Amino acid sequence: LVATGFIYGFLDPGFGLNRSSAVLFVSVIVGVGLVGLLYSGLEAWSRERTLGSIAEVRAYPLSLAVAVLTVVASRALGLQPGVVYGFAASCVVLGGVSGDERHEGRALAVPVVACLGLSTVCWLLVAPVRAPPGTALSDTMEAIAVIVFIGGLEGLLINLMPLDVMDGAKIYRWRRSVWVGLTLVSAFLAWHILLNSQRAYFDSLRKASSLSVLIAFLVYTSAGVGLWGYFELRKRRQRPVSAAGA
């Protein structure tokens, strides 16, 4: 988490030995830690309770190395705010999986609902924690609330996509009504608060050149599709070997 604080901090061109950088550093550590621990920790707990799996939260230092490369790319392309591609930790299933794969959706719905609730609470707390304004404590509390809200909501929107590599596909196969409800609420909050009311997303894109935005889109999309293709191909190659061994 400390390394994550430094990596995210360097997205800001003014990151250094000053008060605003200290606020950003601390808020990233706390905000990313809250979202990650809540989602991955609840997923591990829910899998154990619901499916009888053996799961734990595991850190991935290699992913942080990927995040460093994306920060360098964002700074080189002049994207402000930049894009970070990577994560600090995730839930890992070590064994003991039982039941139909579709029942995974019931276990995964628990961390999704909790993360959505935490994001909503942090959004409601942004204004109250801002008072009294201008102090280091109020600035840090406000930044933590914003990071948890935006990070949690953006993560949910992507994770709820009904693709096999996402948790949304498992929830969709388990109970479509639950998936539709969670997706609609997440999409409404993202549109109403992030995209419609606060137009910082669109304003930030206007500051960067069209070519930089296009290059970033192509690079990150290609990286995502490429990683998926690599692991999908490896999984298909392992299936005949497992069948032969059985």
C-alpha atoms as a PDB file:
ATOM      1  CA  LEU A   1       0.000   0.000   0.000  1.00  0.00           C
ATOM      2  CA  VAL A   2       2.872   2.382   0.693  1.00  0.00           C
ATOM      3  CA  ALA A   3       4.281   1.603  -2.746  1.00  0.00           C
ATOM      4  CA  THR A   4       0.821   2.192  -4.216  1.00  0.00           C
ATOM      5  CA  GLY A   5       0.721   5.598  -2.543  1.00  0.00           C
ATOM      6  CA  PHE A   6       3.970   6.588  -4.223  1.00  0.00           C
ATOM      7  CA  ILE A   7       2.929   5.207  -7.621  1.00  0.00           C
ATOM      8  CA  TYR A   8      -0.437   6.981  -7.646  1.00  0.00           C
ATOM      9  CA  GLY A   9       1.191  10.120  -6.267  1.00  0.00           C
ATOM     10  CA  PHE A  10       3.518  10.497  -9.237  1.00  0.00           C
ATOM     11  CA  LEU A  11       0.497  10.839 -11.520  1.00  0.00           C
ATOM     12  CA  ASP A  12       0.449  14.402 -10.179  1.00  0.00           C
ATOM     13  CA  PRO A  13       3.182  16.495 -11.870  1.00  0.00           C
ATOM     14  CA  GLY A  14       3.534  18.518  -8.650  1.00  0.00           C
ATOM     15  CA  PHE A  15       4.122  15.489  -6.418  1.00  0.00           C
ATOM     16  CA  GLY A  16       6.942  16.158  -3.972  1.00  0.00           C
ATOM     17  CA  LEU A  17       7.741  17.408  -0.479  1.00  0.00           C
ATOM     18  CA  ASN A  18       4.672  19.569   0.090  1.00  0.00           C
ATOM     19  CA  ARG A  19       1.373  19.445   1.922  1.00  0.00           C
ATOM     20  CA  SER A  20      -0.850  18.571  -1.041  1.00  0.00           C
ATOM     21  CA  SER A  21       1.408  15.643  -1.936  1.00  0.00           C
ATOM     22  CA  ALA A  22       1.311  14.386   1.660  1.00  0.00           C
ATOM     23  CA  VAL A  23      -2.498  14.541   1.624  1.00  0.00           C
ATOM     24  CA  LEU A  24      -2.595  12.628  -1.667  1.00  0.00           C
ATOM     25  CA  PHE A  25      -0.092  10.021  -0.429  1.00  0.00           C
ATOM     26  CA  VAL A  26      -1.963   9.276   2.809  1.00  0.00           C
ATOM     27  CA  SER A  27      -5.410   9.313   1.197  1.00  0.00           C
ATOM     28  CA  VAL A  28      -4.341   6.869  -1.527  1.00  0.00           C
ATOM     29  CA  ILE A  29      -2.958   4.425   1.047  1.00  0.00           C
ATOM     30  CA  VAL A  30      -6.118   4.541   3.161  1.00  0.00           C
ATOM     31  CA  GLY A  31      -8.586   4.723   0.248  1.00  0.00           C
ATOM     32  CA  VAL A  32      -7.083   1.967  -1.883  1.00  0.00           C
ATOM     33  CA  GLY A  33      -6.558  -0.147   1.240  1.00  0.00           C
ATOM     34  CA  LEU A  34     -10.199   0.191   2.302  1.00  0.00           C
ATOM     35  CA  VAL A  35     -11.603  -0.711  -1.108  1.00  0.00           C
ATOM     36  CA  GLY A  36      -9.180  -3.560  -1.710  1.00  0.00           C
ATOM     37  CA  LEU A  37      -9.448  -5.105   1.743  1.00  0.00           C
ATOM     38  CA  LEU A  38     -13.235  -4.803   1.808  1.00  0.00           C
ATOM     39  CA  TYR A  39     -13.784  -6.362  -1.610  1.00  0.00           C
ATOM     40  CA  SER A  40     -11.079  -9.036  -1.610  1.00  0.00           C
ATOM     41  CA  GLY A  41     -11.459  -9.851   2.082  1.00  0.00           C
ATOM     42  CA  LEU A  42     -15.230 -10.221   1.852  1.00  0.00           C
ATOM     43  CA  GLU A  43     -14.852 -12.300  -1.304  1.00  0.00           C
ATOM     44  CA  ALA A  44     -12.513 -14.709   0.485  1.00  0.00           C
ATOM     45  CA  TRP A  45     -14.846 -14.887   3.489  1.00  0.00           C
ATOM     46  CA  SER A  46     -17.958 -15.344   1.333  1.00  0.00           C
ATOM     47  CA  ARG A  47     -16.350 -18.066  -0.764  1.00  0.00           C
ATOM     48  CA  GLU A  48     -15.421 -19.984   2.375  1.00  0.00           C
ATOM     49  CA  ARG A  49     -18.893 -19.606   3.893  1.00  0.00           C
ATOM     50  CA  THR A  50     -20.924 -20.196   0.728  1.00  0.00           C
ATOM     51  CA  LEU A  51     -18.825 -22.558  -1.394  1.00  0.00           C
ATOM     52  CA  GLY A  52     -16.540 -24.173   1.144  1.00  0.00           C
ATOM     53  CA  SER A  53     -13.505 -22.819  -0.697  1.00  0.00           C
ATOM     54  CA  ILE A  54     -10.099 -22.109   0.789  1.00  0.00           C
ATOM     55  CA  ALA A  55      -9.292 -18.504  -0.117  1.00  0.00           C
ATOM     56  CA  GLU A  56      -7.062 -15.678   1.028  1.00  0.00           C
ATOM     57  CA  VAL A  57      -6.056 -12.120   0.115  1.00  0.00           C
ATOM     58  CA  ARG A  58      -2.663 -12.113  -1.582  1.00  0.00           C
ATOM     59  CA  ALA A  59      -0.447  -9.214  -2.653  1.00  0.00           C
ATOM     60  CA  TYR A  60       0.866  -8.997  -6.230  1.00  0.00           C
ATOM     61  CA  PRO A  61       4.125  -6.985  -6.444  1.00  0.00           C
ATOM     62  CA  LEU A  62       4.381  -7.684 -10.198  1.00  0.00           C
ATOM     63  CA  SER A  63       1.115  -5.827 -10.740  1.00  0.00           C
ATOM     64  CA  LEU A  64       2.642  -2.782  -9.060  1.00  0.00           C
ATOM     65  CA  ALA A  65       5.494  -2.940 -11.562  1.00  0.00           C
ATOM     66  CA  VAL A  66       2.892  -2.798 -14.333  1.00  0.00           C
ATOM     67  CA  ALA A  67       1.303   0.178 -12.568  1.00  0.00           C
ATOM     68  CA  VAL A  68       4.660   1.981 -12.615  1.00  0.00           C
ATOM     69  CA  LEU A  69       4.882   1.533 -16.387  1.00  0.00           C
ATOM     70  CA  THR A  70       1.369   2.934 -16.849  1.00  0.00           C
ATOM     71  CA  VAL A  71       2.210   5.985 -14.739  1.00  0.00           C
ATOM     72  CA  VAL A  72       5.304   6.600 -16.874  1.00  0.00           C
ATOM     73  CA  ALA A  73       3.172   6.228 -20.015  1.00  0.00           C
ATOM     74  CA  SER A  74       0.539   8.638 -18.679  1.00  0.00           C
ATOM     75  CA  ARG A  75       3.151  11.265 -17.884  1.00  0.00           C
ATOM     76  CA  ALA A  76       4.821  10.785 -21.272  1.00  0.00           C
ATOM     77  CA  LEU A  77       1.489  11.201 -23.104  1.00  0.00           C
ATOM     78  CA  GLY A  78       0.584  14.244 -21.002  1.00  0.00           C
ATOM     79  CA  LEU A  79      -2.630  12.714 -19.633  1.00  0.00           C
ATOM     80  CA  GLN A  80      -3.880  14.609 -16.586  1.00  0.00           C
ATOM     81  CA  PRO A  81      -5.243  12.921 -14.561  1.00  0.00           C
ATOM     82  CA  GLY A  82      -3.346   9.831 -15.645  1.00  0.00           C
ATOM     83  CA  VAL A  83      -4.359   6.216 -15.954  1.00  0.00           C
ATOM     84  CA  VAL A  84      -3.183   3.450 -13.616  1.00  0.00           C
ATOM     85  CA  TYR A  85      -3.378  -0.156 -14.813  1.00  0.00           C
ATOM     86  CA  GLY A  86      -2.755  -2.549 -11.941  1.00  0.00           C
ATOM     87  CA  PHE A  87      -3.730  -3.525  -8.408  1.00  0.00           C
ATOM     88  CA  ALA A  88      -2.074  -4.190  -5.071  1.00  0.00           C
ATOM     89  CA  ALA A  89      -3.816  -7.372  -3.908  1.00  0.00           C
ATOM     90  CA  SER A  90      -6.643  -9.723  -4.788  1.00  0.00           C
ATOM     91  CA  CYS A  91      -8.568 -12.736  -3.519  1.00  0.00           C
ATOM     92  CA  VAL A  92      -7.005 -16.078  -4.457  1.00  0.00           C
ATOM     93  CA  VAL A  93      -8.860 -19.417  -4.329  1.00  0.00           C
ATOM     94  CA  LEU A  94      -6.433 -22.064  -3.088  1.00  0.00           C
ATOM     95  CA  GLY A  95      -8.737 -25.086  -3.294  1.00  0.00           C
ATOM     96  CA  GLY A  96     -11.766 -26.826  -1.891  1.00  0.00           C
ATOM     97  CA  VAL A  97     -14.225 -25.417  -4.448  1.00  0.00           C
ATOM     98  CA  SER A  98     -17.591 -27.169  -4.221  1.00  0.00           C
ATOM     99  CA  GLY A  99     -20.885 -26.895  -6.062  1.00  0.00           C
ATOM    100  CA  ASP A 100     -21.889 -25.549  -9.461  1.00  0.00           C
ATOM    101  CA  GLU A 101     -19.862 -22.694 -10.934  1.00  0.00           C
ATOM    102  CA  ARG A 102     -23.030 -20.614 -11.143  1.00  0.00           C
ATOM    103  CA  HIS A 103     -23.232 -20.577  -7.350  1.00  0.00           C
ATOM    104  CA  GLU A 104     -20.110 -18.439  -7.342  1.00  0.00           C
ATOM    105  CA  GLY A 105     -22.373 -15.514  -8.152  1.00  0.00           C
ATOM    106  CA  ARG A 106     -24.036 -15.791  -4.755  1.00  0.00           C
ATOM    107  CA  ALA A 107     -20.666 -15.546  -3.034  1.00  0.00           C
ATOM    108  CA  LEU A 108     -19.428 -12.707  -5.243  1.00  0.00           C
ATOM    109  CA  ALA A 109     -22.593 -10.647  -4.763  1.00  0.00           C
ATOM    110  CA  VAL A 110     -21.593 -10.054  -1.118  1.00  0.00           C
ATOM    111  CA  PRO A 111     -18.432  -7.994  -1.772  1.00  0.00           C
ATOM    112  CA  VAL A 112     -20.137  -6.174  -4.669  1.00  0.00           C
ATOM    113  CA  VAL A 113     -23.024  -5.030  -2.461  1.00  0.00           C
ATOM    114  CA  ALA A 114     -20.633  -4.064   0.349  1.00  0.00           C
ATOM    115  CA  CYS A 115     -18.371  -2.083  -1.984  1.00  0.00           C
ATOM    116  CA  LEU A 116     -21.360  -0.301  -3.507  1.00  0.00           C
ATOM    117  CA  GLY A 117     -22.597   0.595  -0.029  1.00  0.00           C
ATOM    118  CA  LEU A 118     -19.181   1.871   1.061  1.00  0.00           C
ATOM    119  CA  SER A 119     -18.852   3.994  -2.091  1.00  0.00           C
ATOM    120  CA  THR A 120     -22.287   5.532  -1.526  1.00  0.00           C
ATOM    121  CA  VAL A 121     -21.544   6.298   2.129  1.00  0.00           C
ATOM    122  CA  CYS A 122     -18.247   7.972   1.197  1.00  0.00           C
ATOM    123  CA  TRP A 123     -20.024  10.099  -1.415  1.00  0.00           C
ATOM    124  CA  LEU A 124     -22.474  11.291   1.261  1.00  0.00           C
ATOM    125  CA  LEU A 125     -19.561  12.031   3.627  1.00  0.00           C
ATOM    126  CA  VAL A 126     -17.596  14.252   1.220  1.00  0.00           C
ATOM    127  CA  ALA A 127     -19.355  17.475   2.255  1.00  0.00           C
ATOM    128  CA  PRO A 128     -19.505  16.804   6.047  1.00  0.00           C
ATOM    129  CA  VAL A 129     -15.818  15.861   6.396  1.00  0.00           C
ATOM    130  CA  ARG A 130     -14.808  19.000   4.484  1.00  0.00           C
ATOM    131  CA  ALA A 131     -15.620  21.207   7.488  1.00  0.00           C
ATOM    132  CA  PRO A 132     -13.676  23.060   8.757  1.00  0.00           C
ATOM    133  CA  PRO A 133     -12.127  23.635   5.316  1.00  0.00           C
ATOM    134  CA  GLY A 134      -8.453  24.233   4.720  1.00  0.00           C
ATOM    135  CA  THR A 135      -7.044  22.038   7.493  1.00  0.00           C
ATOM    136  CA  ALA A 136      -4.796  19.074   6.748  1.00  0.00           C
ATOM    137  CA  LEU A 137      -7.193  16.681   8.496  1.00  0.00           C
ATOM    138  CA  SER A 138     -10.275  17.849   6.598  1.00  0.00           C
ATOM    139  CA  ASP A 139      -8.406  17.790   3.276  1.00  0.00           C
ATOM    140  CA  THR A 140      -7.188  14.246   3.949  1.00  0.00           C
ATOM    141  CA  MET A 141     -10.620  12.994   5.032  1.00  0.00           C
ATOM    142  CA  GLU A 142     -12.226  14.546   1.962  1.00  0.00           C
ATOM    143  CA  ALA A 143      -9.592  12.999  -0.333  1.00  0.00           C
ATOM    144  CA  ILE A 144     -10.079   9.560   1.257  1.00  0.00           C
ATOM    145  CA  ALA A 145     -13.845   9.782   0.761  1.00  0.00           C
ATOM    146  CA  VAL A 146     -13.432  10.828  -2.878  1.00  0.00           C
ATOM    147  CA  ILE A 147     -10.879   8.084  -3.631  1.00  0.00           C
ATOM    148  CA  VAL A 148     -13.036   5.374  -2.043  1.00  0.00           C
ATOM    149  CA  PHE A 149     -16.134   6.585  -3.869  1.00  0.00           C
ATOM    150  CA  ILE A 150     -14.560   6.964  -7.310  1.00  0.00           C
ATOM    151  CA  GLY A 151     -12.267   3.937  -7.050  1.00  0.00           C
ATOM    152  CA  GLY A 152     -14.981   1.675  -5.689  1.00  0.00           C
ATOM    153  CA  LEU A 153     -17.588   2.789  -8.209  1.00  0.00           C
ATOM    154  CA  GLU A 154     -15.288   2.588 -11.235  1.00  0.00           C
ATOM    155  CA  GLY A 155     -14.102  -0.845 -10.148  1.00  0.00           C
ATOM    156  CA  LEU A 156     -17.686  -2.074  -9.767  1.00  0.00           C
ATOM    157  CA  LEU A 157     -18.725  -0.810 -13.188  1.00  0.00           C
ATOM    158  CA  ILE A 158     -15.895  -2.715 -14.855  1.00  0.00           C
ATOM    159  CA  ASN A 159     -16.242  -5.816 -12.690  1.00  0.00           C
ATOM    160  CA  LEU A 160     -20.005  -6.066 -13.298  1.00  0.00           C
ATOM    161  CA  MET A 161     -19.518  -6.407 -17.049  1.00  0.00           C
ATOM    162  CA  PRO A 162     -21.019  -9.804 -18.045  1.00  0.00           C
ATOM    163  CA  LEU A 163     -17.722 -11.197 -19.360  1.00  0.00           C
ATOM    164  CA  ASP A 164     -16.328 -14.560 -18.269  1.00  0.00           C
ATOM    165  CA  VAL A 165     -13.233 -12.928 -16.777  1.00  0.00           C
ATOM    166  CA  MET A 166     -15.352 -10.601 -14.613  1.00  0.00           C
ATOM    167  CA  ASP A 167     -17.393 -11.283 -11.483  1.00  0.00           C
ATOM    168  CA  GLY A 168     -20.413  -9.814 -13.252  1.00  0.00           C
ATOM    169  CA  ALA A 169     -20.727 -12.883 -15.492  1.00  0.00           C
ATOM    170  CA  LYS A 170     -20.934 -15.203 -12.489  1.00  0.00           C
ATOM    171  CA  ILE A 171     -23.534 -13.005 -10.771  1.00  0.00           C
ATOM    172  CA  TYR A 172     -25.494 -12.829 -14.035  1.00  0.00           C
ATOM    173  CA  ARG A 173     -25.559 -16.635 -14.367  1.00  0.00           C
ATOM    174  CA  TRP A 174     -26.588 -16.987 -10.739  1.00  0.00           C
ATOM    175  CA  ARG A 175     -29.441 -14.451 -10.661  1.00  0.00           C
ATOM    176  CA  ARG A 176     -30.069 -11.985 -13.451  1.00  0.00           C
ATOM    177  CA  SER A 177     -32.332  -9.756 -11.370  1.00  0.00           C
ATOM    178  CA  VAL A 178     -29.533  -9.163  -8.839  1.00  0.00           C
ATOM    179  CA  TRP A 179     -27.063  -8.390 -11.610  1.00  0.00           C
ATOM    180  CA  VAL A 180     -29.451  -5.948 -13.297  1.00  0.00           C
ATOM    181  CA  GLY A 181     -30.143  -4.168  -9.996  1.00  0.00           C
ATOM    182  CA  LEU A 182     -26.475  -3.799  -9.058  1.00  0.00           C
ATOM    183  CA  THR A 183     -25.508  -2.675 -12.556  1.00  0.00           C
ATOM    184  CA  LEU A 184     -28.304  -0.106 -12.812  1.00  0.00           C
ATOM    185  CA  VAL A 185     -27.476   1.441  -9.427  1.00  0.00           C
ATOM    186  CA  SER A 186     -23.742   1.595 -10.192  1.00  0.00           C
ATOM    187  CA  ALA A 187     -24.310   3.036 -13.668  1.00  0.00           C
ATOM    188  CA  PHE A 188     -26.784   5.633 -12.357  1.00  0.00           C
ATOM    189  CA  LEU A 189     -24.372   6.838  -9.664  1.00  0.00           C
ATOM    190  CA  ALA A 190     -21.517   7.007 -12.158  1.00  0.00           C
ATOM    191  CA  TRP A 191     -23.533   8.984 -14.683  1.00  0.00           C
ATOM    192  CA  HIS A 192     -25.326  11.288 -12.259  1.00  0.00           C
ATOM    193  CA  ILE A 193     -22.352  12.107 -10.021  1.00  0.00           C
ATOM    194  CA  LEU A 194     -19.182  11.544 -12.041  1.00  0.00           C
ATOM    195  CA  LEU A 195     -20.146  12.214 -15.652  1.00  0.00           C
ATOM    196  CA  ASN A 196     -23.221  14.438 -15.549  1.00  0.00           C
ATOM    197  CA  SER A 197     -22.871  16.695 -12.498  1.00  0.00           C
ATOM    198  CA  GLN A 198     -19.096  16.774 -12.144  1.00  0.00           C
ATOM    199  CA  ARG A 199     -17.740  17.153 -15.689  1.00  0.00           C
ATOM    200  CA  ALA A 200     -14.119  16.857 -14.607  1.00  0.00           C
ATOM    201  CA  TYR A 201     -13.772  13.641 -16.624  1.00  0.00           C
ATOM    202  CA  PHE A 202     -14.622  15.371 -19.883  1.00  0.00           C
ATOM    203  CA  ASP A 203     -12.665  18.510 -18.958  1.00  0.00           C
ATOM    204  CA  SER A 204      -9.547  16.452 -18.263  1.00  0.00           C
ATOM    205  CA  LEU A 205      -9.800  14.811 -21.673  1.00  0.00           C
ATOM    206  CA  ARG A 206      -9.989  18.229 -23.318  1.00  0.00           C
ATOM    207  CA  LYS A 207      -6.683  19.242 -21.700  1.00  0.00           C
ATOM    208  CA  ALA A 208      -4.844  16.356 -23.346  1.00  0.00           C
ATOM    209  CA  SER A 209      -4.347  16.129 -27.081  1.00  0.00           C
ATOM    210  CA  SER A 210      -6.677  13.911 -29.093  1.00  0.00           C
ATOM    211  CA  LEU A 211      -3.722  11.850 -30.282  1.00  0.00           C
ATOM    212  CA  SER A 212      -2.579  11.185 -26.688  1.00  0.00           C
ATOM    213  CA  VAL A 213      -6.053  10.037 -25.652  1.00  0.00           C
ATOM    214  CA  LEU A 214      -6.311   7.803 -28.733  1.00  0.00           C
ATOM    215  CA  ILE A 215      -2.874   6.272 -28.122  1.00  0.00           C
ATOM    216  CA  ALA A 216      -3.698   5.626 -24.468  1.00  0.00           C
ATOM    217  CA  PHE A 217      -7.003   4.010 -25.414  1.00  0.00           C
ATOM    218  CA  LEU A 218      -5.356   1.722 -27.988  1.00  0.00           C
ATOM    219  CA  VAL A 219      -2.461   0.768 -25.694  1.00  0.00           C
ATOM    220  CA  TYR A 220      -4.584  -0.073 -22.658  1.00  0.00           C
ATOM    221  CA  THR A 221      -7.241  -1.858 -24.691  1.00  0.00           C
ATOM    222  CA  SER A 222      -4.599  -3.901 -26.502  1.00  0.00           C
ATOM    223  CA  ALA A 223      -2.897  -4.744 -23.201  1.00  0.00           C
ATOM    224  CA  GLY A 224      -6.178  -5.902 -21.677  1.00  0.00           C
ATOM    225  CA  VAL A 225      -7.166  -8.024 -24.673  1.00  0.00           C
ATOM    226  CA  GLY A 226      -3.638  -9.382 -24.969  1.00  0.00           C
ATOM    227  CA  LEU A 227      -3.484 -10.485 -21.331  1.00  0.00           C
ATOM    228  CA  TRP A 228      -6.892 -12.125 -21.615  1.00  0.00           C
ATOM    229  CA  GLY A 229      -5.851 -13.915 -24.810  1.00  0.00           C
ATOM    230  CA  TYR A 230      -2.615 -15.166 -23.268  1.00  0.00           C
ATOM    231  CA  PHE A 231      -4.276 -16.751 -20.240  1.00  0.00           C
ATOM    232  CA  GLU A 232      -7.203 -18.066 -22.301  1.00  0.00           C
ATOM    233  CA  LEU A 233      -4.790 -19.788 -24.697  1.00  0.00           C
ATOM    234  CA  ARG A 234      -2.772 -21.217 -21.829  1.00  0.00           C
ATOM    235  CA  LYS A 235      -5.932 -22.536 -20.181  1.00  0.00           C
ATOM    236  CA  ARG A 236      -7.020 -24.270 -23.398  1.00  0.00           C
ATOM    237  CA  ARG A 237      -3.610 -25.887 -23.809  1.00  0.00           C
ATOM    238  CA  GLN A 238      -3.749 -27.236 -20.254  1.00  0.00           C
ATOM    239  CA  ARG A 239      -7.155 -28.883 -20.718  1.00  0.00           C
ATOM    240  CA  PRO A 240      -5.943 -31.790 -22.924  1.00  0.00           C
ATOM    241  CA  VAL A 241      -3.074 -32.458 -20.511  1.00  0.00           C
ATOM    242  CA  SER A 242      -5.449 -32.574 -17.532  1.00  0.00           C
ATOM    243  CA  ALA A 243      -7.846 -34.858 -19.401  1.00  0.00           C
ATOM    244  CA  ALA A 244      -5.009 -37.219 -20.365  1.00  0.00           C
ATOM    245  CA  GLY A 245      -3.780 -37.313 -16.778  1.00  0.00           C
ATOM    246  CA  ALA A 246      -7.254 -38.107 -15.492  1.00  0.00           C
END
